[in-house]
Amino acid sequence: MRRVIGGAGRVLITAGVLILLFVGYQLWGTNILEARSQDNLRDEFTRDLAERPRSDPDDDRPDNVEIPIPPAGEPVGIIRIPKIGVDKVLVEGTTVADLRKGPGHYSGTPLPGQRGNAAIAGHRTTYGAPFADVDQLEGGDIITVQTLAGTFDYRVLPGEQGKFVVSPSQVEVLESDPDEDLLTLTTCNPKYSARERLIIHAEYVDPEPLPAPPQQIRRVSSIDAGLSGDRSSRLPTILWGMAVAGVGLLWWLVFHRYPRWTTWVAGAIPFVVVLSVFFFFLERVLPSNY
């Protein structure tokens, strides 16, 4: 009986350690990956900004040149929210892969600086957590977006117009009204949950009118986009989970028979490799914006 209890205890301790390792990967390891992507994107956007056509160096906006929508995952601009310390490169798209690089612009909505409702999604607790504190925004707070077309200031609307919670299915918050110039931020609510969406609405404050978007604006089919995880990763997650269990069991059996530090190290290396791959796929299955 003592052996059974002792064995069960070791299993529970091991499971607890693995869970803590995964939580650490989620909260800190993903930030390292996001920071690397942000550095590369910022360099790319800086190069694009320097190459845009301008006859007047003091003019922040290019000379009547249509700014094309960048490919998915490429930089759109830089979003800055001084009140909560946000200064992140904005990427095109809101798939699982896009949001791992930074805040993502919803494809199908206008770009920031164009007429209509430009919409952006961002992580709240992982991958740099750019929107971790957007719940602290209040009416009158400024959000600035710099794109190749210029720098545009938006002011958060007052009260429930500017900050409210919706279900993931309420796509109407992303719809464009030709008579409004809005910027919409979306993130999951509450923190560590993907049950709801926190919405921030801000209006364009510059008296200079914005141009109409050159592309045709279509109805966004889902506020979720890539925010509910990647279902295609479920099978790899299961298979790699089985691999972790198999390698871990083999490691334990060999070390139990040959309890030497060399045996421990020899088993730890392949275990860490398969565990890292398992964490990679497991993280993709989970909601990507919680």
C-alpha atoms as a PDB file:
ATOM      1  CA  MET A   1       0.000   0.000   0.000  1.00  0.00           C
ATOM      2  CA  ARG A   2       2.849   2.387   0.857  1.00  0.00           C
ATOM      3  CA  ARG A   3       4.417   1.707  -2.547  1.00  0.00           C
ATOM      4  CA  VAL A   4       1.136   2.490  -4.282  1.00  0.00           C
ATOM      5  CA  ILE A   5       0.699   5.720  -2.321  1.00  0.00           C
ATOM      6  CA  GLY A   6       4.331   6.653  -2.888  1.00  0.00           C
ATOM      7  CA  GLY A   7       4.045   5.962  -6.605  1.00  0.00           C
ATOM      8  CA  ALA A   8       0.846   7.996  -6.888  1.00  0.00           C
ATOM      9  CA  GLY A   9       2.507  10.846  -5.039  1.00  0.00           C
ATOM     10  CA  ARG A  10       5.461  10.877  -7.414  1.00  0.00           C
ATOM     11  CA  VAL A  11       3.093  10.890 -10.400  1.00  0.00           C
ATOM     12  CA  LEU A  12       1.166  13.837  -8.985  1.00  0.00           C
ATOM     13  CA  ILE A  13       4.356  15.736  -8.203  1.00  0.00           C
ATOM     14  CA  THR A  14       5.646  15.125 -11.733  1.00  0.00           C
ATOM     15  CA  ALA A  15       2.351  16.259 -13.232  1.00  0.00           C
ATOM     16  CA  GLY A  16       2.447  19.393 -11.083  1.00  0.00           C
ATOM     17  CA  VAL A  17       5.982  20.212 -12.183  1.00  0.00           C
ATOM     18  CA  LEU A  18       5.039  19.782 -15.858  1.00  0.00           C
ATOM     19  CA  ILE A  19       2.013  22.055 -15.432  1.00  0.00           C
ATOM     20  CA  LEU A  20       4.187  24.703 -13.789  1.00  0.00           C
ATOM     21  CA  LEU A  21       6.705  24.421 -16.626  1.00  0.00           C
ATOM     22  CA  PHE A  22       3.935  24.938 -19.181  1.00  0.00           C
ATOM     23  CA  VAL A  23       2.541  27.929 -17.293  1.00  0.00           C
ATOM     24  CA  GLY A  24       6.051  29.378 -17.209  1.00  0.00           C
ATOM     25  CA  TYR A  25       6.382  28.843 -20.952  1.00  0.00           C
ATOM     26  CA  GLN A  26       3.027  30.544 -21.524  1.00  0.00           C
ATOM     27  CA  LEU A  27       3.650  33.581 -19.355  1.00  0.00           C
ATOM     28  CA  TRP A  28       7.379  34.148 -19.967  1.00  0.00           C
ATOM     29  CA  GLY A  29       8.621  31.950 -22.792  1.00  0.00           C
ATOM     30  CA  THR A  30       6.047  33.302 -25.245  1.00  0.00           C
ATOM     31  CA  ASN A  31       7.103  36.857 -24.371  1.00  0.00           C
ATOM     32  CA  ILE A  32      10.627  36.068 -25.574  1.00  0.00           C
ATOM     33  CA  LEU A  33       9.266  34.784 -28.894  1.00  0.00           C
ATOM     34  CA  GLU A  34       7.042  37.858 -29.297  1.00  0.00           C
ATOM     35  CA  ALA A  35       9.903  40.237 -28.490  1.00  0.00           C
ATOM     36  CA  ARG A  36      12.030  38.638 -31.213  1.00  0.00           C
ATOM     37  CA  SER A  37       9.209  38.988 -33.747  1.00  0.00           C
ATOM     38  CA  GLN A  38       8.604  42.602 -32.698  1.00  0.00           C
ATOM     39  CA  ASP A  39      12.262  43.514 -33.233  1.00  0.00           C
ATOM     40  CA  ASN A  40      12.209  42.070 -36.755  1.00  0.00           C
ATOM     41  CA  LEU A  41       8.882  43.720 -37.608  1.00  0.00           C
ATOM     42  CA  ARG A  42      10.001  47.102 -36.282  1.00  0.00           C
ATOM     43  CA  ASP A  43      13.147  46.984 -38.425  1.00  0.00           C
ATOM     44  CA  GLU A  44      11.042  46.076 -41.470  1.00  0.00           C
ATOM     45  CA  PHE A  45       8.509  48.853 -40.843  1.00  0.00           C
ATOM     46  CA  THR A  46      11.285  51.403 -40.310  1.00  0.00           C
ATOM     47  CA  ARG A  47      12.769  50.481 -43.694  1.00  0.00           C
ATOM     48  CA  ASP A  48       9.360  50.724 -45.386  1.00  0.00           C
ATOM     49  CA  LEU A  49       8.747  54.098 -43.725  1.00  0.00           C
ATOM     50  CA  ALA A  50      12.052  55.473 -44.986  1.00  0.00           C
ATOM     51  CA  GLU A  51      11.292  54.369 -48.548  1.00  0.00           C
ATOM     52  CA  ARG A  52       7.806  55.870 -48.866  1.00  0.00           C
ATOM     53  CA  PRO A  53       7.543  58.779 -51.355  1.00  0.00           C
ATOM     54  CA  ARG A  54       7.481  62.290 -49.796  1.00  0.00           C
ATOM     55  CA  SER A  55       8.289  65.609 -51.445  1.00  0.00           C
ATOM     56  CA  ASP A  56       8.125  67.446 -48.113  1.00  0.00           C
ATOM     57  CA  PRO A  57      10.285  65.811 -45.398  1.00  0.00           C
ATOM     58  CA  ASP A  58       8.321  67.647 -42.696  1.00  0.00           C
ATOM     59  CA  ASP A  59       5.010  66.247 -43.903  1.00  0.00           C
ATOM     60  CA  ASP A  60       4.082  63.055 -42.057  1.00  0.00           C
ATOM     61  CA  ARG A  61       1.924  61.827 -44.919  1.00  0.00           C
ATOM     62  CA  PRO A  62       3.006  60.585 -48.365  1.00  0.00           C
ATOM     63  CA  ASP A  63       2.199  62.316 -51.640  1.00  0.00           C
ATOM     64  CA  ASN A  64      -1.215  60.965 -52.656  1.00  0.00           C
ATOM     65  CA  VAL A  65       0.089  57.431 -52.923  1.00  0.00           C
ATOM     66  CA  GLU A  66      -2.270  54.549 -52.253  1.00  0.00           C
ATOM     67  CA  ILE A  67      -0.870  52.486 -49.403  1.00  0.00           C
ATOM     68  CA  PRO A  68      -1.413  48.790 -50.172  1.00  0.00           C
ATOM     69  CA  ILE A  69      -2.561  46.343 -47.524  1.00  0.00           C
ATOM     70  CA  PRO A  70       0.473  44.299 -46.476  1.00  0.00           C
ATOM     71  CA  PRO A  71       0.443  40.489 -46.653  1.00  0.00           C
ATOM     72  CA  ALA A  72      -0.709  38.528 -43.600  1.00  0.00           C
ATOM     73  CA  GLY A  73       1.802  38.640 -40.778  1.00  0.00           C
ATOM     74  CA  GLU A  74       3.622  41.683 -42.177  1.00  0.00           C
ATOM     75  CA  PRO A  75       3.806  45.076 -40.383  1.00  0.00           C
ATOM     76  CA  VAL A  76       0.924  47.515 -40.802  1.00  0.00           C
ATOM     77  CA  GLY A  77       2.250  50.189 -38.470  1.00  0.00           C
ATOM     78  CA  ILE A  78       2.892  50.966 -34.818  1.00  0.00           C
ATOM     79  CA  ILE A  79       0.170  51.327 -32.203  1.00  0.00           C
ATOM     80  CA  ARG A  80       0.903  53.462 -29.166  1.00  0.00           C
ATOM     81  CA  ILE A  81      -1.296  53.866 -26.086  1.00  0.00           C
ATOM     82  CA  PRO A  82       0.594  56.178 -23.698  1.00  0.00           C
ATOM     83  CA  LYS A  83      -1.673  55.640 -20.682  1.00  0.00           C
ATOM     84  CA  ILE A  84      -0.879  51.919 -20.459  1.00  0.00           C
ATOM     85  CA  GLY A  85       2.592  51.949 -21.984  1.00  0.00           C
ATOM     86  CA  VAL A  86       1.781  50.179 -25.263  1.00  0.00           C
ATOM     87  CA  ASP A  87       4.242  50.642 -28.141  1.00  0.00           C
ATOM     88  CA  LYS A  88       3.881  47.652 -30.464  1.00  0.00           C
ATOM     89  CA  VAL A  89       4.213  46.890 -34.149  1.00  0.00           C
ATOM     90  CA  LEU A  90       0.802  46.083 -35.608  1.00  0.00           C
ATOM     91  CA  VAL A  91       0.643  43.145 -38.042  1.00  0.00           C
ATOM     92  CA  GLU A  92      -1.862  42.284 -40.750  1.00  0.00           C
ATOM     93  CA  GLY A  93      -4.236  39.475 -39.788  1.00  0.00           C
ATOM     94  CA  THR A  94      -5.649  37.918 -36.633  1.00  0.00           C
ATOM     95  CA  THR A  95      -4.852  34.255 -37.126  1.00  0.00           C
ATOM     96  CA  VAL A  96      -3.143  32.240 -34.412  1.00  0.00           C
ATOM     97  CA  ALA A  97       0.233  32.784 -36.094  1.00  0.00           C
ATOM     98  CA  ASP A  98      -0.327  36.532 -36.655  1.00  0.00           C
ATOM     99  CA  LEU A  99      -1.229  37.319 -33.045  1.00  0.00           C
ATOM    100  CA  ARG A 100       1.917  35.609 -31.820  1.00  0.00           C
ATOM    101  CA  LYS A 101       3.885  38.421 -33.464  1.00  0.00           C
ATOM    102  CA  GLY A 102       1.904  41.327 -32.023  1.00  0.00           C
ATOM    103  CA  PRO A 103      -1.512  43.025 -32.179  1.00  0.00           C
ATOM    104  CA  GLY A 104      -3.311  42.069 -35.391  1.00  0.00           C
ATOM    105  CA  HIS A 105      -5.416  44.137 -37.795  1.00  0.00           C
ATOM    106  CA  TYR A 106      -8.681  42.412 -38.738  1.00  0.00           C
ATOM    107  CA  SER A 107      -8.460  41.737 -42.478  1.00  0.00           C
ATOM    108  CA  GLY A 108     -11.546  43.110 -44.178  1.00  0.00           C
ATOM    109  CA  THR A 109     -11.782  46.200 -41.986  1.00  0.00           C
ATOM    110  CA  PRO A 110     -10.257  49.560 -43.019  1.00  0.00           C
ATOM    111  CA  LEU A 111      -6.664  50.236 -42.118  1.00  0.00           C
ATOM    112  CA  PRO A 112      -6.121  52.771 -39.330  1.00  0.00           C
ATOM    113  CA  GLY A 113      -6.232  56.184 -40.979  1.00  0.00           C
ATOM    114  CA  GLN A 114      -9.019  55.214 -43.399  1.00  0.00           C
ATOM    115  CA  ARG A 115     -12.765  55.928 -43.245  1.00  0.00           C
ATOM    116  CA  GLY A 116     -14.839  53.397 -41.328  1.00  0.00           C
ATOM    117  CA  ASN A 117     -14.066  51.109 -38.403  1.00  0.00           C
ATOM    118  CA  ALA A 118     -10.454  49.883 -38.227  1.00  0.00           C
ATOM    119  CA  ALA A 119     -10.315  46.884 -35.879  1.00  0.00           C
ATOM    120  CA  ILE A 120      -7.365  45.405 -33.994  1.00  0.00           C
ATOM    121  CA  ALA A 121      -7.069  42.310 -31.765  1.00  0.00           C
ATOM    122  CA  GLY A 122      -4.341  41.606 -29.213  1.00  0.00           C
ATOM    123  CA  HIS A 123      -3.223  39.203 -26.511  1.00  0.00           C
ATOM    124  CA  ARG A 124      -3.966  40.002 -22.903  1.00  0.00           C
ATOM    125  CA  THR A 125      -1.711  37.638 -20.932  1.00  0.00           C
ATOM    126  CA  THR A 126       0.708  35.925 -23.334  1.00  0.00           C
ATOM    127  CA  TYR A 127       3.008  36.833 -26.250  1.00  0.00           C
ATOM    128  CA  GLY A 128       3.927  40.225 -24.853  1.00  0.00           C
ATOM    129  CA  ALA A 129       0.370  40.854 -23.608  1.00  0.00           C
ATOM    130  CA  PRO A 130      -0.018  44.131 -25.559  1.00  0.00           C
ATOM    131  CA  PHE A 131      -3.639  44.580 -24.441  1.00  0.00           C
ATOM    132  CA  ALA A 132      -3.151  43.426 -20.840  1.00  0.00           C
ATOM    133  CA  ASP A 133      -4.338  46.730 -19.384  1.00  0.00           C
ATOM    134  CA  VAL A 134      -6.797  48.053 -21.964  1.00  0.00           C
ATOM    135  CA  ASP A 135      -9.497  47.715 -19.303  1.00  0.00           C
ATOM    136  CA  GLN A 136      -7.851  50.760 -17.641  1.00  0.00           C
ATOM    137  CA  LEU A 137      -8.648  53.012 -20.612  1.00  0.00           C
ATOM    138  CA  GLU A 138     -11.294  55.661 -20.068  1.00  0.00           C
ATOM    139  CA  GLY A 139     -13.088  58.229 -22.198  1.00  0.00           C
ATOM    140  CA  GLY A 140     -10.655  60.795 -23.598  1.00  0.00           C
ATOM    141  CA  ASP A 141      -7.546  58.579 -23.552  1.00  0.00           C
ATOM    142  CA  ILE A 142      -5.544  58.771 -26.777  1.00  0.00           C
ATOM    143  CA  ILE A 143      -4.554  55.853 -29.031  1.00  0.00           C
ATOM    144  CA  THR A 144      -2.087  56.656 -31.808  1.00  0.00           C
ATOM    145  CA  VAL A 145      -1.435  54.514 -34.868  1.00  0.00           C
ATOM    146  CA  GLN A 146       1.424  55.247 -37.232  1.00  0.00           C
ATOM    147  CA  THR A 147       1.214  53.635 -40.677  1.00  0.00           C
ATOM    148  CA  LEU A 148       2.899  54.299 -44.005  1.00  0.00           C
ATOM    149  CA  ALA A 149       0.046  56.749 -44.675  1.00  0.00           C
ATOM    150  CA  GLY A 150       0.828  58.896 -41.617  1.00  0.00           C
ATOM    151  CA  THR A 151       0.151  59.158 -37.899  1.00  0.00           C
ATOM    152  CA  PHE A 152      -3.443  59.121 -36.689  1.00  0.00           C
ATOM    153  CA  ASP A 153      -4.835  59.930 -33.242  1.00  0.00           C
ATOM    154  CA  TYR A 154      -7.993  58.368 -31.843  1.00  0.00           C
ATOM    155  CA  ARG A 155      -9.761  59.313 -28.594  1.00  0.00           C
ATOM    156  CA  VAL A 156     -11.569  56.657 -26.524  1.00  0.00           C
ATOM    157  CA  LEU A 157     -15.296  57.374 -26.437  1.00  0.00           C
ATOM    158  CA  PRO A 158     -16.871  58.169 -23.056  1.00  0.00           C
ATOM    159  CA  GLY A 159     -18.679  55.687 -20.829  1.00  0.00           C
ATOM    160  CA  GLU A 160     -20.173  52.506 -22.236  1.00  0.00           C
ATOM    161  CA  GLN A 161     -19.724  53.794 -25.771  1.00  0.00           C
ATOM    162  CA  GLY A 162     -15.981  53.462 -25.386  1.00  0.00           C
ATOM    163  CA  LYS A 163     -15.606  50.325 -23.248  1.00  0.00           C
ATOM    164  CA  PHE A 164     -17.925  47.348 -22.979  1.00  0.00           C
ATOM    165  CA  VAL A 165     -18.034  43.549 -23.048  1.00  0.00           C
ATOM    166  CA  VAL A 166     -19.646  41.349 -25.713  1.00  0.00           C
ATOM    167  CA  SER A 167     -19.828  37.668 -26.575  1.00  0.00           C
ATOM    168  CA  PRO A 168     -17.370  36.308 -29.186  1.00  0.00           C
ATOM    169  CA  SER A 169     -20.228  36.020 -31.702  1.00  0.00           C
ATOM    170  CA  GLN A 170     -21.168  39.722 -31.722  1.00  0.00           C
ATOM    171  CA  VAL A 171     -19.395  40.676 -34.953  1.00  0.00           C
ATOM    172  CA  GLU A 172     -21.425  43.869 -35.307  1.00  0.00           C
ATOM    173  CA  VAL A 173     -18.847  45.694 -33.148  1.00  0.00           C
ATOM    174  CA  LEU A 174     -16.444  45.377 -36.111  1.00  0.00           C
ATOM    175  CA  GLU A 175     -18.821  46.667 -38.770  1.00  0.00           C
ATOM    176  CA  SER A 176     -18.026  49.921 -40.570  1.00  0.00           C
ATOM    177  CA  ASP A 177     -20.261  52.968 -40.735  1.00  0.00           C
ATOM    178  CA  PRO A 178     -19.247  55.325 -43.585  1.00  0.00           C
ATOM    179  CA  ASP A 179     -20.186  58.291 -41.392  1.00  0.00           C
ATOM    180  CA  GLU A 180     -17.835  57.294 -38.549  1.00  0.00           C
ATOM    181  CA  ASP A 181     -14.060  57.125 -38.251  1.00  0.00           C
ATOM    182  CA  LEU A 182     -13.440  54.581 -35.512  1.00  0.00           C
ATOM    183  CA  LEU A 183     -10.680  52.429 -34.107  1.00  0.00           C
ATOM    184  CA  THR A 184     -11.812  49.266 -32.306  1.00  0.00           C
ATOM    185  CA  LEU A 185      -9.620  47.183 -30.005  1.00  0.00           C
ATOM    186  CA  THR A 186     -10.667  43.669 -29.023  1.00  0.00           C
ATOM    187  CA  THR A 187      -9.220  41.316 -26.428  1.00  0.00           C
ATOM    188  CA  CYS A 188     -10.432  38.511 -24.207  1.00  0.00           C
ATOM    189  CA  ASN A 189     -12.277  39.127 -20.959  1.00  0.00           C
ATOM    190  CA  PRO A 190     -11.683  38.510 -18.130  1.00  0.00           C
ATOM    191  CA  LYS A 191      -7.929  37.892 -18.007  1.00  0.00           C
ATOM    192  CA  TYR A 192      -6.952  34.213 -18.378  1.00  0.00           C
ATOM    193  CA  SER A 193     -10.296  33.464 -20.028  1.00  0.00           C
ATOM    194  CA  ALA A 194     -11.667  33.520 -23.583  1.00  0.00           C
ATOM    195  CA  ARG A 195     -15.300  33.547 -22.480  1.00  0.00           C
ATOM    196  CA  GLU A 196     -16.021  37.163 -23.508  1.00  0.00           C
ATOM    197  CA  ARG A 197     -14.529  39.996 -25.541  1.00  0.00           C
ATOM    198  CA  LEU A 198     -13.599  43.389 -24.130  1.00  0.00           C
ATOM    199  CA  ILE A 199     -14.206  46.133 -26.703  1.00  0.00           C
ATOM    200  CA  ILE A 200     -12.617  49.579 -26.819  1.00  0.00           C
ATOM    201  CA  HIS A 201     -14.083  52.120 -29.256  1.00  0.00           C
ATOM    202  CA  ALA A 202     -12.115  55.270 -30.114  1.00  0.00           C
ATOM    203  CA  GLU A 203     -12.923  58.040 -32.606  1.00  0.00           C
ATOM    204  CA  TYR A 204     -10.587  59.901 -34.944  1.00  0.00           C
ATOM    205  CA  VAL A 205      -9.782  63.350 -33.550  1.00  0.00           C
ATOM    206  CA  ASP A 206      -7.981  65.164 -36.391  1.00  0.00           C
ATOM    207  CA  PRO A 207     -10.194  67.646 -38.291  1.00  0.00           C
ATOM    208  CA  GLU A 208      -8.554  66.618 -41.576  1.00  0.00           C
ATOM    209  CA  PRO A 209     -10.899  64.066 -43.239  1.00  0.00           C
ATOM    210  CA  LEU A 210      -9.713  60.529 -43.709  1.00  0.00           C
ATOM    211  CA  PRO A 211      -9.577  58.900 -47.157  1.00  0.00           C
ATOM    212  CA  ALA A 212     -11.933  56.095 -48.077  1.00  0.00           C
ATOM    213  CA  PRO A 213     -10.332  52.636 -47.996  1.00  0.00           C
ATOM    214  CA  PRO A 214      -9.165  51.627 -51.488  1.00  0.00           C
ATOM    215  CA  GLN A 215     -10.089  48.000 -50.886  1.00  0.00           C
ATOM    216  CA  GLN A 216     -13.655  46.736 -50.700  1.00  0.00           C
ATOM    217  CA  ILE A 217     -14.718  46.394 -47.071  1.00  0.00           C
ATOM    218  CA  ARG A 218     -16.421  43.084 -46.391  1.00  0.00           C
ATOM    219  CA  ARG A 219     -18.350  41.872 -43.391  1.00  0.00           C
ATOM    220  CA  VAL A 220     -16.066  40.240 -40.853  1.00  0.00           C
ATOM    221  CA  SER A 221     -17.457  36.755 -40.298  1.00  0.00           C
ATOM    222  CA  SER A 222     -16.118  36.281 -36.779  1.00  0.00           C
ATOM    223  CA  ILE A 223     -14.822  38.472 -33.987  1.00  0.00           C
ATOM    224  CA  ASP A 224     -12.958  35.358 -32.902  1.00  0.00           C
ATOM    225  CA  ALA A 225     -10.814  34.919 -36.025  1.00  0.00           C
ATOM    226  CA  GLY A 226      -7.788  33.046 -34.653  1.00  0.00           C
ATOM    227  CA  LEU A 227      -8.626  33.797 -31.028  1.00  0.00           C
ATOM    228  CA  SER A 228     -10.019  30.372 -30.149  1.00  0.00           C
ATOM    229  CA  GLY A 229      -6.937  28.357 -30.931  1.00  0.00           C
ATOM    230  CA  ASP A 230      -5.866  26.180 -33.820  1.00  0.00           C
ATOM    231  CA  ARG A 231      -8.029  23.066 -34.092  1.00  0.00           C
ATOM    232  CA  SER A 232      -5.644  21.479 -36.574  1.00  0.00           C
ATOM    233  CA  SER A 233      -3.105  21.170 -33.749  1.00  0.00           C
ATOM    234  CA  ARG A 234      -5.276  18.858 -31.654  1.00  0.00           C
ATOM    235  CA  LEU A 235      -4.025  15.593 -33.172  1.00  0.00           C
ATOM    236  CA  PRO A 236      -0.322  16.601 -33.030  1.00  0.00           C
ATOM    237  CA  THR A 237      -0.885  17.654 -29.423  1.00  0.00           C
ATOM    238  CA  ILE A 238      -2.263  14.223 -28.535  1.00  0.00           C
ATOM    239  CA  LEU A 239       0.505  12.375 -30.393  1.00  0.00           C
ATOM    240  CA  TRP A 240       3.299  14.449 -28.866  1.00  0.00           C
ATOM    241  CA  GLY A 241       1.669  14.083 -25.448  1.00  0.00           C
ATOM    242  CA  MET A 242       1.892  10.325 -25.883  1.00  0.00           C
ATOM    243  CA  ALA A 243       5.529  10.735 -26.953  1.00  0.00           C
ATOM    244  CA  VAL A 244       6.251  12.715 -23.778  1.00  0.00           C
ATOM    245  CA  ALA A 245       4.665   9.982 -21.669  1.00  0.00           C
ATOM    246  CA  GLY A 246       6.596   7.249 -23.501  1.00  0.00           C
ATOM    247  CA  VAL A 247       9.986   8.969 -23.321  1.00  0.00           C
ATOM    248  CA  GLY A 248       9.371   9.942 -19.692  1.00  0.00           C
ATOM    249  CA  LEU A 249       8.477   6.369 -18.737  1.00  0.00           C
ATOM    250  CA  LEU A 250      11.529   4.966 -20.541  1.00  0.00           C
ATOM    251  CA  TRP A 251      13.736   7.563 -18.856  1.00  0.00           C
ATOM    252  CA  TRP A 252      12.359   6.621 -15.449  1.00  0.00           C
ATOM    253  CA  LEU A 253      12.836   2.867 -16.034  1.00  0.00           C
ATOM    254  CA  VAL A 254      16.424   3.221 -17.238  1.00  0.00           C
ATOM    255  CA  PHE A 255      17.356   5.603 -14.410  1.00  0.00           C
ATOM    256  CA  HIS A 256      15.667   3.306 -11.889  1.00  0.00           C
ATOM    257  CA  ARG A 257      17.913   0.486 -13.063  1.00  0.00           C
ATOM    258  CA  TYR A 258      21.083   2.554 -13.546  1.00  0.00           C
ATOM    259  CA  PRO A 259      20.831   5.413 -11.008  1.00  0.00           C
ATOM    260  CA  ARG A 260      23.766   7.492 -12.198  1.00  0.00           C
ATOM    261  CA  TRP A 261      23.963  11.162 -13.142  1.00  0.00           C
ATOM    262  CA  THR A 262      25.030  10.260 -16.685  1.00  0.00           C
ATOM    263  CA  THR A 263      21.880   8.196 -17.104  1.00  0.00           C
ATOM    264  CA  TRP A 264      19.778  11.081 -15.810  1.00  0.00           C
ATOM    265  CA  VAL A 265      21.346  13.559 -18.237  1.00  0.00           C
ATOM    266  CA  ALA A 266      21.091  11.133 -21.181  1.00  0.00           C
ATOM    267  CA  GLY A 267      17.366  10.735 -20.512  1.00  0.00           C
ATOM    268  CA  ALA A 268      16.720  14.407 -19.804  1.00  0.00           C
ATOM    269  CA  ILE A 269      17.864  15.592 -23.233  1.00  0.00           C
ATOM    270  CA  PRO A 270      15.317  13.695 -25.394  1.00  0.00           C
ATOM    271  CA  PHE A 271      12.614  14.315 -22.775  1.00  0.00           C
ATOM    272  CA  VAL A 272      13.116  18.087 -22.902  1.00  0.00           C
ATOM    273  CA  VAL A 273      13.035  17.975 -26.718  1.00  0.00           C
ATOM    274  CA  VAL A 274       9.715  16.115 -26.973  1.00  0.00           C
ATOM    275  CA  LEU A 275       8.284  18.169 -24.094  1.00  0.00           C
ATOM    276  CA  SER A 276       9.127  21.415 -25.905  1.00  0.00           C
ATOM    277  CA  VAL A 277       7.394  20.230 -29.076  1.00  0.00           C
ATOM    278  CA  PHE A 278       4.380  19.129 -27.022  1.00  0.00           C
ATOM    279  CA  PHE A 279       4.189  22.569 -25.355  1.00  0.00           C
ATOM    280  CA  PHE A 280       4.364  24.201 -28.798  1.00  0.00           C
ATOM    281  CA  PHE A 281       1.327  22.315 -30.107  1.00  0.00           C
ATOM    282  CA  LEU A 282      -0.569  22.474 -26.803  1.00  0.00           C
ATOM    283  CA  GLU A 283      -0.195  26.252 -26.745  1.00  0.00           C
ATOM    284  CA  ARG A 284      -1.619  26.471 -30.264  1.00  0.00           C
ATOM    285  CA  VAL A 285      -4.727  24.521 -29.261  1.00  0.00           C
ATOM    286  CA  LEU A 286      -5.519  26.912 -26.417  1.00  0.00           C
ATOM    287  CA  PRO A 287      -7.284  30.232 -27.107  1.00  0.00           C
ATOM    288  CA  SER A 288      -4.599  32.464 -28.561  1.00  0.00           C
ATOM    289  CA  ASN A 289      -5.860  35.704 -27.076  1.00  0.00           C
ATOM    290  CA  TYR A 290      -6.532  34.865 -23.455  1.00  0.00           C
END
